[in-house]
């Protein structure tokens, strides 16, 4: 039988836990990667302001964390949308919050490593495609969340029921929830637009360093806000809404499936050791080469047109 309004007529008494979405290891892998990445981004940007070093080890480690985070962020959103006929709003909302952590990590990395992406058109357009895909999935998930709030969907019904059931009237905190959801969606679109411009902008005026710092602070605030909400809402670390009626405490248990995401965080550290031992060659930075640059006259200001590799298919 296909999914239709009849599938939303019966409200289950309980909701099965889903450790694959909201288990402690899964949540910690996103949270730890986000804060490590934003911390490394801050270090690289700070070094750029002080013109002390290009921080090759931090750059390599940040690139590895960022690639891992954006791919897992896109993957978990695809899983949530694929399972929308069985997944309740509680788990879907956690997926959306994790996608926000992925977005903050991706944009923070772009701010710090923008010159690395500009030097190669393939890397630049891969990053652009992943940013666009993450934005589309995030906005689509946000629309589901918005519909859930406006229709006051029963928290034990699948998220797909928002298109099948009639509205029951807004809840008491609906106005705040709607405003927050709309603000996050609009913020995602705005930051994507700024990031796209920043990724393809060929000039490097002095004020661009100020833009780097301001946007990085916004991404840190973005990550902190999403982390706090995940910790409060999840069964693993906080208290989920009582109306969800989760069956058991499966999302608090540490199993192999929860340890694996954390173990994967070790892989970027292996690449870092290779760099430290001289096994991997990193593209040098002009910050390291030119010792006569004055303070704040950094790699970003002195990058010329030759370090921006055009797309050979249609660009110059």
C-alpha atoms as a PDB file:
ATOM      1  CA  UNK A   1       0.000   0.000   0.000  1.00  0.00           C
ATOM      2  CA  UNK A   2       1.351   3.437  -0.944  1.00  0.00           C
ATOM      3  CA  UNK A   3       1.753   6.295   1.493  1.00  0.00           C
ATOM      4  CA  UNK A   4      -1.365   8.486   1.591  1.00  0.00           C
ATOM      5  CA  UNK A   5      -3.685  10.226   4.024  1.00  0.00           C
ATOM      6  CA  UNK A   6      -4.882   6.843   5.340  1.00  0.00           C
ATOM      7  CA  UNK A   7      -1.359   6.162   6.595  1.00  0.00           C
ATOM      8  CA  UNK A   8      -1.585   9.268   8.769  1.00  0.00           C
ATOM      9  CA  UNK A   9      -4.982   8.466  10.278  1.00  0.00           C
ATOM     10  CA  UNK A  10      -3.655   6.266  13.080  1.00  0.00           C
ATOM     11  CA  UNK A  11      -1.328   7.852  15.621  1.00  0.00           C
ATOM     12  CA  UNK A  12       1.168   5.374  17.128  1.00  0.00           C
ATOM     13  CA  UNK A  13       1.410   5.124  20.895  1.00  0.00           C
ATOM     14  CA  UNK A  14       5.222   5.179  20.873  1.00  0.00           C
ATOM     15  CA  UNK A  15       8.121   6.071  18.607  1.00  0.00           C
ATOM     16  CA  UNK A  16      11.061   3.749  18.053  1.00  0.00           C
ATOM     17  CA  UNK A  17      14.468   5.164  18.887  1.00  0.00           C
ATOM     18  CA  UNK A  18      16.921   5.674  16.018  1.00  0.00           C
ATOM     19  CA  UNK A  19      20.531   5.607  17.191  1.00  0.00           C
ATOM     20  CA  UNK A  20      21.707   5.857  13.584  1.00  0.00           C
ATOM     21  CA  UNK A  21      20.380   9.419  13.533  1.00  0.00           C
ATOM     22  CA  UNK A  22      20.462  10.597  17.145  1.00  0.00           C
ATOM     23  CA  UNK A  23      22.938   8.274  18.869  1.00  0.00           C
ATOM     24  CA  UNK A  24      25.701   9.812  21.022  1.00  0.00           C
ATOM     25  CA  UNK A  25      28.512   8.833  18.655  1.00  0.00           C
ATOM     26  CA  UNK A  26      26.763  10.297  15.609  1.00  0.00           C
ATOM     27  CA  UNK A  27      26.005  13.568  17.374  1.00  0.00           C
ATOM     28  CA  UNK A  28      29.478  13.881  18.867  1.00  0.00           C
ATOM     29  CA  UNK A  29      31.142  13.244  15.509  1.00  0.00           C
ATOM     30  CA  UNK A  30      29.325  16.240  14.018  1.00  0.00           C
ATOM     31  CA  UNK A  31      29.849  18.446  17.077  1.00  0.00           C
ATOM     32  CA  UNK A  32      33.557  17.635  17.532  1.00  0.00           C
ATOM     33  CA  UNK A  33      34.306  18.027  13.811  1.00  0.00           C
ATOM     34  CA  UNK A  34      32.495  21.350  13.732  1.00  0.00           C
ATOM     35  CA  UNK A  35      34.395  22.876  16.619  1.00  0.00           C
ATOM     36  CA  UNK A  36      37.759  21.482  15.519  1.00  0.00           C
ATOM     37  CA  UNK A  37      37.207  22.862  12.017  1.00  0.00           C
ATOM     38  CA  UNK A  38      36.097  26.287  13.198  1.00  0.00           C
ATOM     39  CA  UNK A  39      39.030  26.393  15.615  1.00  0.00           C
ATOM     40  CA  UNK A  40      41.488  25.552  12.831  1.00  0.00           C
ATOM     41  CA  UNK A  41      39.845  28.154  10.579  1.00  0.00           C
ATOM     42  CA  UNK A  42      40.310  30.764  13.287  1.00  0.00           C
ATOM     43  CA  UNK A  43      43.985  29.821  13.690  1.00  0.00           C
ATOM     44  CA  UNK A  44      44.657  30.067   9.945  1.00  0.00           C
ATOM     45  CA  UNK A  45      42.876  33.408   9.618  1.00  0.00           C
ATOM     46  CA  UNK A  46      44.698  34.748  12.690  1.00  0.00           C
ATOM     47  CA  UNK A  47      48.049  33.641  11.283  1.00  0.00           C
ATOM     48  CA  UNK A  48      47.119  35.392   8.047  1.00  0.00           C
ATOM     49  CA  UNK A  49      46.482  38.629   9.910  1.00  0.00           C
ATOM     50  CA  UNK A  50      49.789  38.390  11.786  1.00  0.00           C
ATOM     51  CA  UNK A  51      51.702  37.083   8.735  1.00  0.00           C
ATOM     52  CA  UNK A  52      53.597  34.569  10.824  1.00  0.00           C
ATOM     53  CA  UNK A  53      53.098  31.372   8.802  1.00  0.00           C
ATOM     54  CA  UNK A  54      50.779  29.776   6.275  1.00  0.00           C
ATOM     55  CA  UNK A  55      50.069  26.961   8.798  1.00  0.00           C
ATOM     56  CA  UNK A  56      50.363  24.044   6.319  1.00  0.00           C
ATOM     57  CA  UNK A  57      49.540  21.407   8.922  1.00  0.00           C
ATOM     58  CA  UNK A  58      46.411  23.243  10.053  1.00  0.00           C
ATOM     59  CA  UNK A  59      45.379  23.682   6.427  1.00  0.00           C
ATOM     60  CA  UNK A  60      45.656  19.987   5.636  1.00  0.00           C
ATOM     61  CA  UNK A  61      43.867  18.959   8.809  1.00  0.00           C
ATOM     62  CA  UNK A  62      41.091  21.501   8.216  1.00  0.00           C
ATOM     63  CA  UNK A  63      40.611  20.347   4.631  1.00  0.00           C
ATOM     64  CA  UNK A  64      40.219  16.733   5.762  1.00  0.00           C
ATOM     65  CA  UNK A  65      37.725  17.586   8.507  1.00  0.00           C
ATOM     66  CA  UNK A  66      35.727  19.801   6.165  1.00  0.00           C
ATOM     67  CA  UNK A  67      35.480  17.184   3.404  1.00  0.00           C
ATOM     68  CA  UNK A  68      34.326  14.600   5.931  1.00  0.00           C
ATOM     69  CA  UNK A  69      31.760  16.933   7.487  1.00  0.00           C
ATOM     70  CA  UNK A  70      30.123  18.191   4.317  1.00  0.00           C
ATOM     71  CA  UNK A  71      29.797  14.700   2.825  1.00  0.00           C
ATOM     72  CA  UNK A  72      28.297  13.261   6.002  1.00  0.00           C
ATOM     73  CA  UNK A  73      26.016  16.301   6.256  1.00  0.00           C
ATOM     74  CA  UNK A  74      24.699  15.773   2.739  1.00  0.00           C
ATOM     75  CA  UNK A  75      24.415  12.033   3.337  1.00  0.00           C
ATOM     76  CA  UNK A  76      22.390  12.295   6.544  1.00  0.00           C
ATOM     77  CA  UNK A  77      19.989  14.757   4.912  1.00  0.00           C
ATOM     78  CA  UNK A  78      19.458  12.376   2.010  1.00  0.00           C
ATOM     79  CA  UNK A  79      18.721   9.592   4.494  1.00  0.00           C
ATOM     80  CA  UNK A  80      16.209  11.781   6.308  1.00  0.00           C
ATOM     81  CA  UNK A  81      14.355  12.709   3.120  1.00  0.00           C
ATOM     82  CA  UNK A  82      14.411   9.110   1.894  1.00  0.00           C
ATOM     83  CA  UNK A  83      12.879   7.916   5.180  1.00  0.00           C
ATOM     84  CA  UNK A  84      10.331  10.730   5.536  1.00  0.00           C
ATOM     85  CA  UNK A  85       7.444   8.241   5.317  1.00  0.00           C
ATOM     86  CA  UNK A  86       8.605   6.572   8.543  1.00  0.00           C
ATOM     87  CA  UNK A  87      10.718   9.197  10.310  1.00  0.00           C
ATOM     88  CA  UNK A  88       9.028  11.372  12.935  1.00  0.00           C
ATOM     89  CA  UNK A  89       9.620  15.155  13.202  1.00  0.00           C
ATOM     90  CA  UNK A  90      11.845  14.688  16.274  1.00  0.00           C
ATOM     91  CA  UNK A  91      14.505  12.745  14.356  1.00  0.00           C
ATOM     92  CA  UNK A  92      14.051  14.861  11.250  1.00  0.00           C
ATOM     93  CA  UNK A  93      14.675  18.020  13.278  1.00  0.00           C
ATOM     94  CA  UNK A  94      17.915  16.577  14.675  1.00  0.00           C
ATOM     95  CA  UNK A  95      19.057  15.808  11.128  1.00  0.00           C
ATOM     96  CA  UNK A  96      18.341  19.395  10.165  1.00  0.00           C
ATOM     97  CA  UNK A  97      20.392  20.693  13.106  1.00  0.00           C
ATOM     98  CA  UNK A  98      23.292  18.435  12.123  1.00  0.00           C
ATOM     99  CA  UNK A  99      23.101  19.809   8.589  1.00  0.00           C
ATOM    100  CA  UNK A 100      23.489  23.301  10.048  1.00  0.00           C
ATOM    101  CA  UNK A 101      26.691  22.162  11.757  1.00  0.00           C
ATOM    102  CA  UNK A 102      27.886  20.841   8.403  1.00  0.00           C
ATOM    103  CA  UNK A 103      27.092  24.183   6.755  1.00  0.00           C
ATOM    104  CA  UNK A 104      28.974  26.138   9.419  1.00  0.00           C
ATOM    105  CA  UNK A 105      32.019  23.875   9.003  1.00  0.00           C
ATOM    106  CA  UNK A 106      31.966  24.178   5.227  1.00  0.00           C
ATOM    107  CA  UNK A 107      31.702  27.970   5.195  1.00  0.00           C
ATOM    108  CA  UNK A 108      34.324  28.368   7.916  1.00  0.00           C
ATOM    109  CA  UNK A 109      36.704  26.237   5.854  1.00  0.00           C
ATOM    110  CA  UNK A 110      35.978  28.299   2.754  1.00  0.00           C
ATOM    111  CA  UNK A 111      36.906  31.486   4.617  1.00  0.00           C
ATOM    112  CA  UNK A 112      40.253  30.052   5.691  1.00  0.00           C
ATOM    113  CA  UNK A 113      41.215  28.066   2.572  1.00  0.00           C
ATOM    114  CA  UNK A 114      39.700  30.188  -0.172  1.00  0.00           C
ATOM    115  CA  UNK A 115      43.073  30.628  -1.931  1.00  0.00           C
ATOM    116  CA  UNK A 116      43.599  26.865  -2.069  1.00  0.00           C
ATOM    117  CA  UNK A 117      40.289  26.487  -3.902  1.00  0.00           C
ATOM    118  CA  UNK A 118      40.980  29.437  -6.216  1.00  0.00           C
ATOM    119  CA  UNK A 119      44.259  27.941  -7.416  1.00  0.00           C
ATOM    120  CA  UNK A 120      42.494  24.980  -9.030  1.00  0.00           C
ATOM    121  CA  UNK A 121      39.228  25.299 -10.965  1.00  0.00           C
ATOM    122  CA  UNK A 122      38.282  21.650 -10.312  1.00  0.00           C
ATOM    123  CA  UNK A 123      38.538  22.064  -6.538  1.00  0.00           C
ATOM    124  CA  UNK A 124      36.683  25.358  -6.796  1.00  0.00           C
ATOM    125  CA  UNK A 125      33.703  23.942  -8.692  1.00  0.00           C
ATOM    126  CA  UNK A 126      33.555  20.765  -6.610  1.00  0.00           C
ATOM    127  CA  UNK A 127      33.255  22.986  -3.548  1.00  0.00           C
ATOM    128  CA  UNK A 128      30.626  25.085  -5.314  1.00  0.00           C
ATOM    129  CA  UNK A 129      28.556  22.022  -6.232  1.00  0.00           C
ATOM    130  CA  UNK A 130      28.703  20.609  -2.688  1.00  0.00           C
ATOM    131  CA  UNK A 131      27.689  23.988  -1.267  1.00  0.00           C
ATOM    132  CA  UNK A 132      24.714  24.158  -3.634  1.00  0.00           C
ATOM    133  CA  UNK A 133      23.618  20.589  -2.902  1.00  0.00           C
ATOM    134  CA  UNK A 134      23.877  21.192   0.841  1.00  0.00           C
ATOM    135  CA  UNK A 135      21.844  24.401   0.488  1.00  0.00           C
ATOM    136  CA  UNK A 136      19.056  22.732  -1.516  1.00  0.00           C
ATOM    137  CA  UNK A 137      18.770  19.841   0.929  1.00  0.00           C
ATOM    138  CA  UNK A 138      18.893  22.175   3.926  1.00  0.00           C
ATOM    139  CA  UNK A 139      16.170  24.437   2.549  1.00  0.00           C
ATOM    140  CA  UNK A 140      13.994  21.440   1.639  1.00  0.00           C
ATOM    141  CA  UNK A 141      14.370  20.021   5.141  1.00  0.00           C
ATOM    142  CA  UNK A 142      13.614  23.449   6.588  1.00  0.00           C
ATOM    143  CA  UNK A 143      10.350  23.583   4.635  1.00  0.00           C
ATOM    144  CA  UNK A 144       9.300  20.272   6.186  1.00  0.00           C
ATOM    145  CA  UNK A 145      10.126  21.621   9.650  1.00  0.00           C
ATOM    146  CA  UNK A 146       8.185  24.808   8.915  1.00  0.00           C
ATOM    147  CA  UNK A 147       5.139  22.846   7.785  1.00  0.00           C
ATOM    148  CA  UNK A 148       5.326  20.730  10.928  1.00  0.00           C
ATOM    149  CA  UNK A 149       5.142  23.843  13.093  1.00  0.00           C
ATOM    150  CA  UNK A 150       2.434  25.648  11.143  1.00  0.00           C
ATOM    151  CA  UNK A 151       0.167  22.578  11.006  1.00  0.00           C
ATOM    152  CA  UNK A 152       0.988  21.486  14.577  1.00  0.00           C
ATOM    153  CA  UNK A 153       1.618  17.938  13.362  1.00  0.00           C
ATOM    154  CA  UNK A 154       1.390  15.209  15.972  1.00  0.00           C
ATOM    155  CA  UNK A 155       5.013  14.390  16.917  1.00  0.00           C
ATOM    156  CA  UNK A 156       4.423  10.636  16.582  1.00  0.00           C
ATOM    157  CA  UNK A 157       3.314  10.806  12.949  1.00  0.00           C
ATOM    158  CA  UNK A 158       5.816  10.533  10.083  1.00  0.00           C
ATOM    159  CA  UNK A 159       7.158  13.828   8.776  1.00  0.00           C
ATOM    160  CA  UNK A 160       5.608  13.113   5.343  1.00  0.00           C
ATOM    161  CA  UNK A 161       2.168  13.535   6.911  1.00  0.00           C
ATOM    162  CA  UNK A 162       2.582  17.317   6.828  1.00  0.00           C
ATOM    163  CA  UNK A 163       1.328  17.182   3.231  1.00  0.00           C
ATOM    164  CA  UNK A 164      -1.591  14.869   4.011  1.00  0.00           C
ATOM    165  CA  UNK A 165      -3.208  16.049   7.253  1.00  0.00           C
ATOM    166  CA  UNK A 166      -5.196  19.190   7.940  1.00  0.00           C
ATOM    167  CA  UNK A 167      -3.872  21.914  10.166  1.00  0.00           C
ATOM    168  CA  UNK A 168      -4.791  21.672  13.852  1.00  0.00           C
ATOM    169  CA  UNK A 169      -3.953  25.261  14.608  1.00  0.00           C
ATOM    170  CA  UNK A 170      -0.653  26.717  15.680  1.00  0.00           C
ATOM    171  CA  UNK A 171       0.888  25.737  19.015  1.00  0.00           C
ATOM    172  CA  UNK A 172       1.663  28.226  21.770  1.00  0.00           C
ATOM    173  CA  UNK A 173       5.285  28.744  20.683  1.00  0.00           C
ATOM    174  CA  UNK A 174       4.563  28.555  16.957  1.00  0.00           C
ATOM    175  CA  UNK A 175       5.428  32.190  16.272  1.00  0.00           C
ATOM    176  CA  UNK A 176       8.919  31.854  17.738  1.00  0.00           C
ATOM    177  CA  UNK A 177       9.541  28.532  15.996  1.00  0.00           C
ATOM    178  CA  UNK A 178       8.370  29.863  12.634  1.00  0.00           C
ATOM    179  CA  UNK A 179      10.480  33.003  12.961  1.00  0.00           C
ATOM    180  CA  UNK A 180      13.547  30.959  13.885  1.00  0.00           C
ATOM    181  CA  UNK A 181      13.075  28.462  11.051  1.00  0.00           C
ATOM    182  CA  UNK A 182      12.509  31.180   8.449  1.00  0.00           C
ATOM    183  CA  UNK A 183      15.537  33.098   9.742  1.00  0.00           C
ATOM    184  CA  UNK A 184      17.749  30.005   9.449  1.00  0.00           C
ATOM    185  CA  UNK A 185      16.569  29.260   5.897  1.00  0.00           C
ATOM    186  CA  UNK A 186      17.080  32.892   4.858  1.00  0.00           C
ATOM    187  CA  UNK A 187      20.488  32.882   6.553  1.00  0.00           C
ATOM    188  CA  UNK A 188      21.498  29.769   4.633  1.00  0.00           C
ATOM    189  CA  UNK A 189      20.557  31.382   1.326  1.00  0.00           C
ATOM    190  CA  UNK A 190      22.357  34.612   2.232  1.00  0.00           C
ATOM    191  CA  UNK A 191      25.535  32.903   3.389  1.00  0.00           C
ATOM    192  CA  UNK A 192      25.553  30.710   0.273  1.00  0.00           C
ATOM    193  CA  UNK A 193      25.325  33.814  -1.917  1.00  0.00           C
ATOM    194  CA  UNK A 194      28.155  35.528  -0.033  1.00  0.00           C
ATOM    195  CA  UNK A 195      30.264  32.357  -0.076  1.00  0.00           C
ATOM    196  CA  UNK A 196      29.764  31.966  -3.839  1.00  0.00           C
ATOM    197  CA  UNK A 197      30.849  35.546  -4.441  1.00  0.00           C
ATOM    198  CA  UNK A 198      33.810  35.095  -2.097  1.00  0.00           C
ATOM    199  CA  UNK A 199      34.896  31.866  -3.786  1.00  0.00           C
ATOM    200  CA  UNK A 200      34.960  33.359  -7.289  1.00  0.00           C
ATOM    201  CA  UNK A 201      36.052  36.923  -6.465  1.00  0.00           C
ATOM    202  CA  UNK A 202      39.419  37.625  -8.083  1.00  0.00           C
ATOM    203  CA  UNK A 203      40.347  40.886  -6.384  1.00  0.00           C
ATOM    204  CA  UNK A 204      41.742  41.017  -2.855  1.00  0.00           C
ATOM    205  CA  UNK A 205      41.179  44.438  -1.276  1.00  0.00           C
ATOM    206  CA  UNK A 206      42.323  45.095   2.256  1.00  0.00           C
ATOM    207  CA  UNK A 207      38.768  45.114   3.659  1.00  0.00           C
ATOM    208  CA  UNK A 208      38.296  41.471   2.643  1.00  0.00           C
ATOM    209  CA  UNK A 209      40.205  40.399   5.756  1.00  0.00           C
ATOM    210  CA  UNK A 210      37.563  42.099   7.887  1.00  0.00           C
ATOM    211  CA  UNK A 211      34.878  40.166   6.019  1.00  0.00           C
ATOM    212  CA  UNK A 212      36.742  36.952   6.837  1.00  0.00           C
ATOM    213  CA  UNK A 213      36.766  37.686  10.554  1.00  0.00           C
ATOM    214  CA  UNK A 214      33.128  38.817  10.751  1.00  0.00           C
ATOM    215  CA  UNK A 215      31.792  35.835   8.806  1.00  0.00           C
ATOM    216  CA  UNK A 216      33.895  33.409  10.844  1.00  0.00           C
ATOM    217  CA  UNK A 217      32.392  34.812  14.053  1.00  0.00           C
ATOM    218  CA  UNK A 218      28.929  34.311  12.536  1.00  0.00           C
ATOM    219  CA  UNK A 219      29.758  30.690  11.685  1.00  0.00           C
ATOM    220  CA  UNK A 220      31.002  30.095  15.234  1.00  0.00           C
ATOM    221  CA  UNK A 221      27.737  31.486  16.588  1.00  0.00           C
ATOM    222  CA  UNK A 222      25.849  29.328  14.095  1.00  0.00           C
ATOM    223  CA  UNK A 223      27.676  26.218  15.274  1.00  0.00           C
ATOM    224  CA  UNK A 224      27.240  26.999  18.968  1.00  0.00           C
ATOM    225  CA  UNK A 225      23.494  27.600  18.532  1.00  0.00           C
ATOM    226  CA  UNK A 226      22.937  24.361  16.624  1.00  0.00           C
ATOM    227  CA  UNK A 227      25.042  22.400  19.133  1.00  0.00           C
ATOM    228  CA  UNK A 228      23.116  23.726  22.126  1.00  0.00           C
ATOM    229  CA  UNK A 229      19.808  22.839  20.484  1.00  0.00           C
ATOM    230  CA  UNK A 230      20.999  19.320  19.599  1.00  0.00           C
ATOM    231  CA  UNK A 231      22.184  18.699  23.151  1.00  0.00           C
ATOM    232  CA  UNK A 232      18.900  19.925  24.637  1.00  0.00           C
ATOM    233  CA  UNK A 233      16.584  18.078  22.219  1.00  0.00           C
ATOM    234  CA  UNK A 234      18.353  14.712  21.883  1.00  0.00           C
ATOM    235  CA  UNK A 235      17.785  11.748  24.160  1.00  0.00           C
ATOM    236  CA  UNK A 236      21.522  11.029  24.089  1.00  0.00           C
ATOM    237  CA  UNK A 237      22.447  14.186  26.022  1.00  0.00           C
ATOM    238  CA  UNK A 238      19.221  15.934  26.965  1.00  0.00           C
ATOM    239  CA  UNK A 239      15.490  15.376  27.194  1.00  0.00           C
ATOM    240  CA  UNK A 240      13.362  14.924  24.066  1.00  0.00           C
ATOM    241  CA  UNK A 241       9.784  16.262  24.098  1.00  0.00           C
ATOM    242  CA  UNK A 242       7.540  14.067  26.225  1.00  0.00           C
ATOM    243  CA  UNK A 243       4.882  14.038  23.516  1.00  0.00           C
ATOM    244  CA  UNK A 244       7.209  11.985  21.278  1.00  0.00           C
ATOM    245  CA  UNK A 245       6.977   8.954  23.603  1.00  0.00           C
ATOM    246  CA  UNK A 246      10.307   7.387  22.660  1.00  0.00           C
ATOM    247  CA  UNK A 247      10.324   3.638  23.259  1.00  0.00           C
ATOM    248  CA  UNK A 248      13.354   2.752  25.367  1.00  0.00           C
ATOM    249  CA  UNK A 249      16.744   4.437  25.730  1.00  0.00           C
ATOM    250  CA  UNK A 250      18.451   3.100  22.618  1.00  0.00           C
ATOM    251  CA  UNK A 251      19.782   6.547  21.675  1.00  0.00           C
ATOM    252  CA  UNK A 252      21.876   6.678  24.852  1.00  0.00           C
ATOM    253  CA  UNK A 253      23.689   3.399  24.319  1.00  0.00           C
ATOM    254  CA  UNK A 254      27.258   3.217  23.015  1.00  0.00           C
ATOM    255  CA  UNK A 255      27.472   0.510  20.363  1.00  0.00           C
ATOM    256  CA  UNK A 256      29.902  -0.158  17.516  1.00  0.00           C
ATOM    257  CA  UNK A 257      27.786   2.036  15.250  1.00  0.00           C
ATOM    258  CA  UNK A 258      28.353   4.920  17.663  1.00  0.00           C
ATOM    259  CA  UNK A 259      32.083   4.372  18.078  1.00  0.00           C
ATOM    260  CA  UNK A 260      32.797   4.151  14.346  1.00  0.00           C
ATOM    261  CA  UNK A 261      32.022   7.842  13.524  1.00  0.00           C
ATOM    262  CA  UNK A 262      34.364   8.919  16.308  1.00  0.00           C
ATOM    263  CA  UNK A 263      37.093   6.531  15.173  1.00  0.00           C
ATOM    264  CA  UNK A 264      36.905   8.040  11.674  1.00  0.00           C
ATOM    265  CA  UNK A 265      37.986  11.365  13.167  1.00  0.00           C
ATOM    266  CA  UNK A 266      41.449   9.806  13.550  1.00  0.00           C
ATOM    267  CA  UNK A 267      41.961   9.629   9.763  1.00  0.00           C
ATOM    268  CA  UNK A 268      42.746  13.361   9.331  1.00  0.00           C
ATOM    269  CA  UNK A 269      45.286  13.060  12.146  1.00  0.00           C
ATOM    270  CA  UNK A 270      47.139  10.416  10.110  1.00  0.00           C
ATOM    271  CA  UNK A 271      47.432  12.887   7.226  1.00  0.00           C
ATOM    272  CA  UNK A 272      48.765  15.457   9.673  1.00  0.00           C
ATOM    273  CA  UNK A 273      51.487  13.074  10.849  1.00  0.00           C
ATOM    274  CA  UNK A 274      52.447  12.459   7.208  1.00  0.00           C
ATOM    275  CA  UNK A 275      52.874  16.191   6.699  1.00  0.00           C
ATOM    276  CA  UNK A 276      54.947  16.546   9.848  1.00  0.00           C
ATOM    277  CA  UNK A 277      57.192  13.685   8.731  1.00  0.00           C
ATOM    278  CA  UNK A 278      57.587  15.172   5.272  1.00  0.00           C
ATOM    279  CA  UNK A 279      55.709  12.478   3.364  1.00  0.00           C
ATOM    280  CA  UNK A 280      53.148  14.875   1.881  1.00  0.00           C
ATOM    281  CA  UNK A 281      53.928  17.994  -0.121  1.00  0.00           C
ATOM    282  CA  UNK A 282      51.711  20.992   0.618  1.00  0.00           C
ATOM    283  CA  UNK A 283      51.309  23.964  -1.731  1.00  0.00           C
ATOM    284  CA  UNK A 284      53.488  26.739  -0.245  1.00  0.00           C
ATOM    285  CA  UNK A 285      51.966  30.032   0.771  1.00  0.00           C
ATOM    286  CA  UNK A 286      53.177  33.495  -0.139  1.00  0.00           C
ATOM    287  CA  UNK A 287      53.046  34.335   3.530  1.00  0.00           C
ATOM    288  CA  UNK A 288      56.047  32.036   4.003  1.00  0.00           C
ATOM    289  CA  UNK A 289      57.940  33.221   0.916  1.00  0.00           C
ATOM    290  CA  UNK A 290      57.822  37.003   1.282  1.00  0.00           C
ATOM    291  CA  UNK A 291      59.356  38.147   4.551  1.00  0.00           C
ATOM    292  CA  UNK A 292      59.162  41.861   3.666  1.00  0.00           C
ATOM    293  CA  UNK A 293      55.388  42.178   3.678  1.00  0.00           C
ATOM    294  CA  UNK A 294      54.152  44.705   6.273  1.00  0.00           C
ATOM    295  CA  UNK A 295      51.652  43.754   8.956  1.00  0.00           C
ATOM    296  CA  UNK A 296      48.151  43.054   7.570  1.00  0.00           C
ATOM    297  CA  UNK A 297      49.573  43.050   4.017  1.00  0.00           C
ATOM    298  CA  UNK A 298      48.975  39.351   3.646  1.00  0.00           C
ATOM    299  CA  UNK A 299      48.684  36.566   1.137  1.00  0.00           C
ATOM    300  CA  UNK A 300      45.067  37.439   0.479  1.00  0.00           C
ATOM    301  CA  UNK A 301      45.853  41.049  -0.520  1.00  0.00           C
ATOM    302  CA  UNK A 302      48.847  40.115  -2.696  1.00  0.00           C
ATOM    303  CA  UNK A 303      47.304  37.223  -4.586  1.00  0.00           C
ATOM    304  CA  UNK A 304      47.468  38.100  -8.272  1.00  0.00           C
ATOM    305  CA  UNK A 305      45.484  36.910 -11.265  1.00  0.00           C
ATOM    306  CA  UNK A 306      47.973  34.131 -12.025  1.00  0.00           C
ATOM    307  CA  UNK A 307      47.097  32.304  -8.780  1.00  0.00           C
ATOM    308  CA  UNK A 308      43.442  32.111  -9.815  1.00  0.00           C
ATOM    309  CA  UNK A 309      43.093  29.207 -12.253  1.00  0.00           C
ATOM    310  CA  UNK A 310      40.145  29.816 -14.621  1.00  0.00           C
ATOM    311  CA  UNK A 311      37.771  27.085 -15.674  1.00  0.00           C
ATOM    312  CA  UNK A 312      39.237  25.917 -19.024  1.00  0.00           C
ATOM    313  CA  UNK A 313      35.800  24.943 -20.349  1.00  0.00           C
ATOM    314  CA  UNK A 314      34.347  28.451 -20.491  1.00  0.00           C
ATOM    315  CA  UNK A 315      36.283  30.849 -18.261  1.00  0.00           C
ATOM    316  CA  UNK A 316      39.428  32.912 -18.712  1.00  0.00           C
END
